[in-house]
C-alpha atoms as a PDB file:
ATOM      1  CA  MET A   1      49.019   3.773  17.963  1.00  0.00           C
ATOM      2  CA  THR A   2      52.504   2.724  17.156  1.00  0.00           C
ATOM      3  CA  PRO A   3      54.361   0.048  19.101  1.00  0.00           C
ATOM      4  CA  VAL A   4      56.688   2.773  20.432  1.00  0.00           C
ATOM      5  CA  ALA A   5      53.728   4.774  21.772  1.00  0.00           C
ATOM      6  CA  ASP A   6      52.263   1.606  23.292  1.00  0.00           C
ATOM      7  CA  THR A   7      55.582   0.838  24.976  1.00  0.00           C
ATOM      8  CA  ALA A   8      55.866   4.402  26.303  1.00  0.00           C
ATOM      9  CA  TYR A   9      52.327   4.245  27.701  1.00  0.00           C
ATOM     10  CA  VAL A  10      52.982   0.916  29.463  1.00  0.00           C
ATOM     11  CA  ALA A  11      56.298   2.235  30.808  1.00  0.00           C
ATOM     12  CA  ALA A  12      54.582   5.374  32.130  1.00  0.00           C
ATOM     13  CA  VAL A  13      51.854   3.370  33.889  1.00  0.00           C
ATOM     14  CA  VAL A  14      54.370   0.954  35.389  1.00  0.00           C
ATOM     15  CA  ALA A  15      56.592   3.820  36.573  1.00  0.00           C
ATOM     16  CA  MET A  16      53.659   5.520  38.314  1.00  0.00           C
ATOM     17  CA  TYR A  17      52.682   2.212  39.910  1.00  0.00           C
ATOM     18  CA  VAL A  18      56.071   1.211  41.316  1.00  0.00           C
ATOM     19  CA  ASP A  19      56.731   4.743  42.625  1.00  0.00           C
ATOM     20  CA  LEU A  20      53.778   4.491  45.004  1.00  0.00           C
ATOM     21  CA  PRO A  21      54.095   3.487  48.639  1.00  0.00           C
ATOM     22  CA  ASP A  22      53.045  -0.093  49.403  1.00  0.00           C
ATOM     23  CA  THR A  23      53.713  -1.371  45.870  1.00  0.00           C
ATOM     24  CA  PRO A  24      56.441  -3.711  44.626  1.00  0.00           C
ATOM     25  CA  ILE A  25      59.801  -2.303  43.616  1.00  0.00           C
ATOM     26  CA  ARG A  26      59.257  -3.577  40.066  1.00  0.00           C
ATOM     27  CA  ALA A  27      56.278  -4.622  38.001  1.00  0.00           C
ATOM     28  CA  ASN A  28      55.669  -8.208  36.989  1.00  0.00           C
ATOM     29  CA  THR A  29      54.351  -9.625  33.720  1.00  0.00           C
ATOM     30  CA  ARG A  30      50.738  -9.412  34.897  1.00  0.00           C
ATOM     31  CA  ASP A  31      51.165  -5.720  35.777  1.00  0.00           C
ATOM     32  CA  ARG A  32      52.482  -5.007  32.281  1.00  0.00           C
ATOM     33  CA  TRP A  33      49.544  -6.921  30.822  1.00  0.00           C
ATOM     34  CA  VAL A  34      47.113  -4.782  32.859  1.00  0.00           C
ATOM     35  CA  ALA A  35      48.888  -1.629  31.626  1.00  0.00           C
ATOM     36  CA  ARG A  36      48.608  -2.805  27.998  1.00  0.00           C
ATOM     37  CA  LYS A  37      44.920  -3.562  28.530  1.00  0.00           C
ATOM     38  CA  LEU A  38      44.377  -0.055  29.904  1.00  0.00           C
ATOM     39  CA  LYS A  39      46.049   1.289  26.737  1.00  0.00           C
ATOM     40  CA  GLU A  40      43.821  -0.874  24.533  1.00  0.00           C
ATOM     41  CA  ASP A  41      40.776   0.382  26.437  1.00  0.00           C
ATOM     42  CA  GLY A  42      41.841   3.975  25.761  1.00  0.00           C
ATOM     43  CA  VAL A  43      42.223   5.011  29.408  1.00  0.00           C
ATOM     44  CA  PRO A  44      44.030   8.376  29.514  1.00  0.00           C
ATOM     45  CA  LEU A  45      47.224   8.541  31.584  1.00  0.00           C
ATOM     46  CA  PRO A  46      45.886  11.401  33.761  1.00  0.00           C
ATOM     47  CA  ILE A  47      42.951   9.186  34.814  1.00  0.00           C
ATOM     48  CA  ILE A  48      45.342   6.367  35.688  1.00  0.00           C
ATOM     49  CA  GLU A  49      47.603   8.665  37.692  1.00  0.00           C
ATOM     50  CA  SER A  50      44.614  10.114  39.534  1.00  0.00           C
ATOM     51  CA  ALA A  51      43.318   6.630  40.345  1.00  0.00           C
ATOM     52  CA  LEU A  52      46.693   5.450  41.615  1.00  0.00           C
ATOM     53  CA  LEU A  53      47.060   8.510  43.818  1.00  0.00           C
ATOM     54  CA  LEU A  54      43.483   8.392  45.102  1.00  0.00           C
ATOM     55  CA  ALA A  55      43.546   4.686  45.954  1.00  0.00           C
ATOM     56  CA  SER A  56      46.940   4.991  47.642  1.00  0.00           C
ATOM     57  CA  LEU A  57      45.748   7.952  49.666  1.00  0.00           C
ATOM     58  CA  ARG A  58      42.590   6.119  50.709  1.00  0.00           C
ATOM     59  CA  ARG A  59      44.813   3.303  52.013  1.00  0.00           C
ATOM     60  CA  ARG A  60      47.083   5.727  53.885  1.00  0.00           C
ATOM     61  CA  ILE A  61      44.352   7.812  55.516  1.00  0.00           C
ATOM     62  CA  ARG A  62      42.452   5.304  57.591  1.00  0.00           C
ATOM     63  CA  PRO A  63      41.060   5.539  61.092  1.00  0.00           C
ATOM     64  CA  GLU A  64      43.599   4.829  63.810  1.00  0.00           C
ATOM     65  CA  GLY A  65      43.428   1.466  65.475  1.00  0.00           C
ATOM     66  CA  LEU A  66      42.710  -0.511  62.321  1.00  0.00           C
ATOM     67  CA  PRO A  67      45.224  -3.196  61.447  1.00  0.00           C
ATOM     68  CA  PRO A  68      47.659  -2.276  58.675  1.00  0.00           C
ATOM     69  CA  LEU A  69      46.738  -3.300  55.159  1.00  0.00           C
ATOM     70  CA  PRO A  70      48.979  -5.737  53.316  1.00  0.00           C
ATOM     71  CA  PRO A  71      51.151  -4.373  50.500  1.00  0.00           C
ATOM     72  CA  ILE A  72      49.603  -3.952  47.076  1.00  0.00           C
ATOM     73  CA  ARG A  73      50.681  -6.872  44.909  1.00  0.00           C
ATOM     74  CA  SER A  74      49.195  -5.972  41.517  1.00  0.00           C
ATOM     75  CA  LEU A  75      48.335  -3.044  39.294  1.00  0.00           C
ATOM     76  CA  ALA A  76      44.919  -4.699  38.950  1.00  0.00           C
ATOM     77  CA  TYR A  77      44.188  -3.491  42.513  1.00  0.00           C
ATOM     78  CA  PHE A  78      43.575  -0.024  41.043  1.00  0.00           C
ATOM     79  CA  ARG A  79      41.111  -1.039  38.308  1.00  0.00           C
ATOM     80  CA  PRO A  80      37.945  -0.293  40.358  1.00  0.00           C
ATOM     81  CA  VAL A  81      39.185   3.237  41.101  1.00  0.00           C
ATOM     82  CA  ILE A  82      40.095   3.732  37.425  1.00  0.00           C
ATOM     83  CA  ALA A  83      36.538   2.690  36.510  1.00  0.00           C
ATOM     84  CA  GLU A  84      35.191   5.074  39.157  1.00  0.00           C
ATOM     85  CA  LEU A  85      37.156   7.998  37.715  1.00  0.00           C
ATOM     86  CA  LEU A  86      36.164   7.175  34.153  1.00  0.00           C
ATOM     87  CA  GLN A  87      32.546   7.576  35.287  1.00  0.00           C
ATOM     88  CA  GLN A  88      33.191  10.643  37.455  1.00  0.00           C
ATOM     89  CA  PRO A  89      36.491  12.414  36.661  1.00  0.00           C
ATOM     90  CA  LEU A  90      38.163  14.546  39.296  1.00  0.00           C
ATOM     91  CA  PRO A  91      38.002  18.349  39.055  1.00  0.00           C
ATOM     92  CA  ASP A  92      40.880  20.204  37.408  1.00  0.00           C
ATOM     93  CA  GLY A  93      43.857  20.603  39.704  1.00  0.00           C
ATOM     94  CA  TYR A  94      42.745  17.866  42.094  1.00  0.00           C
ATOM     95  CA  ARG A  95      45.531  15.528  40.988  1.00  0.00           C
ATOM     96  CA  ASP A  96      48.080  18.091  42.272  1.00  0.00           C
ATOM     97  CA  TYR A  97      46.250  18.094  45.607  1.00  0.00           C
ATOM     98  CA  LEU A  98      46.351  14.282  45.728  1.00  0.00           C
ATOM     99  CA  ARG A  99      50.110  14.261  45.047  1.00  0.00           C
ATOM    100  CA  LEU A 100      50.712  16.697  47.904  1.00  0.00           C
ATOM    101  CA  LYS A 101      48.358  14.886  50.262  1.00  0.00           C
ATOM    102  CA  LEU A 102      49.929  11.482  49.522  1.00  0.00           C
ATOM    103  CA  ARG A 103      53.406  12.889  50.046  1.00  0.00           C
ATOM    104  CA  THR A 104      52.300  14.295  53.407  1.00  0.00           C
ATOM    105  CA  ALA A 105      50.543  11.055  54.390  1.00  0.00           C
ATOM    106  CA  SER A 106      53.606   9.021  53.416  1.00  0.00           C
ATOM    107  CA  ASN A 107      55.849  11.247  55.525  1.00  0.00           C
ATOM    108  CA  ASP A 108      53.531  10.764  58.515  1.00  0.00           C
ATOM    109  CA  SER A 109      53.660   6.967  58.175  1.00  0.00           C
ATOM    110  CA  PRO A 110      56.386   4.847  59.723  1.00  0.00           C
ATOM    111  CA  ALA A 111      59.581   5.020  57.713  1.00  0.00           C
ATOM    112  CA  ILE A 112      59.974   2.476  54.971  1.00  0.00           C
ATOM    113  CA  VAL A 113      63.655   1.827  54.422  1.00  0.00           C
ATOM    114  CA  GLN A 114      63.340  -0.052  51.162  1.00  0.00           C
ATOM    115  CA  LYS A 115      60.583  -1.647  49.159  1.00  0.00           C
ATOM    116  CA  GLN A 116      60.518  -5.418  49.433  1.00  0.00           C
ATOM    117  CA  THR A 117      61.434  -7.436  46.351  1.00  0.00           C
ATOM    118  CA  PHE A 118      59.832 -10.645  47.574  1.00  0.00           C
END
C-alpha cells in the first residue's frame, strides 16, 4: 500500500478508537503504532470496528453490583477481541446491531460530560 493509504487506515482506526466510551480523547504514539501494526498484519477495518464495538459493549453490559472498570488506556486493549474475530468473524449485519446496542448502553450509563485528557 501507499503511504497515503497507510495513513488513512491508521487515522480510521484511531478515529474509531477515540470515539468509543471509556477511551482517551486522543490517541497516543503507542496507539498509532498498534494501528500501523494492524495495517501491516492485514487486519480489515470492518474486523477492527467490530472488535472495538464488541469489547466496548462487553464492558458496558455487566452484571449490576460489580465495581466500575477503569477507563481504557490503550488501543492494545482490543487486540484479543480482534484476534477472536479474525478466527470467528461476526455474521453479516451484526456490526450494525452492535452500534445500536452500544449507543443504547451508553445512554443508559451515567452521563459523561467530557472525556478526560489526563
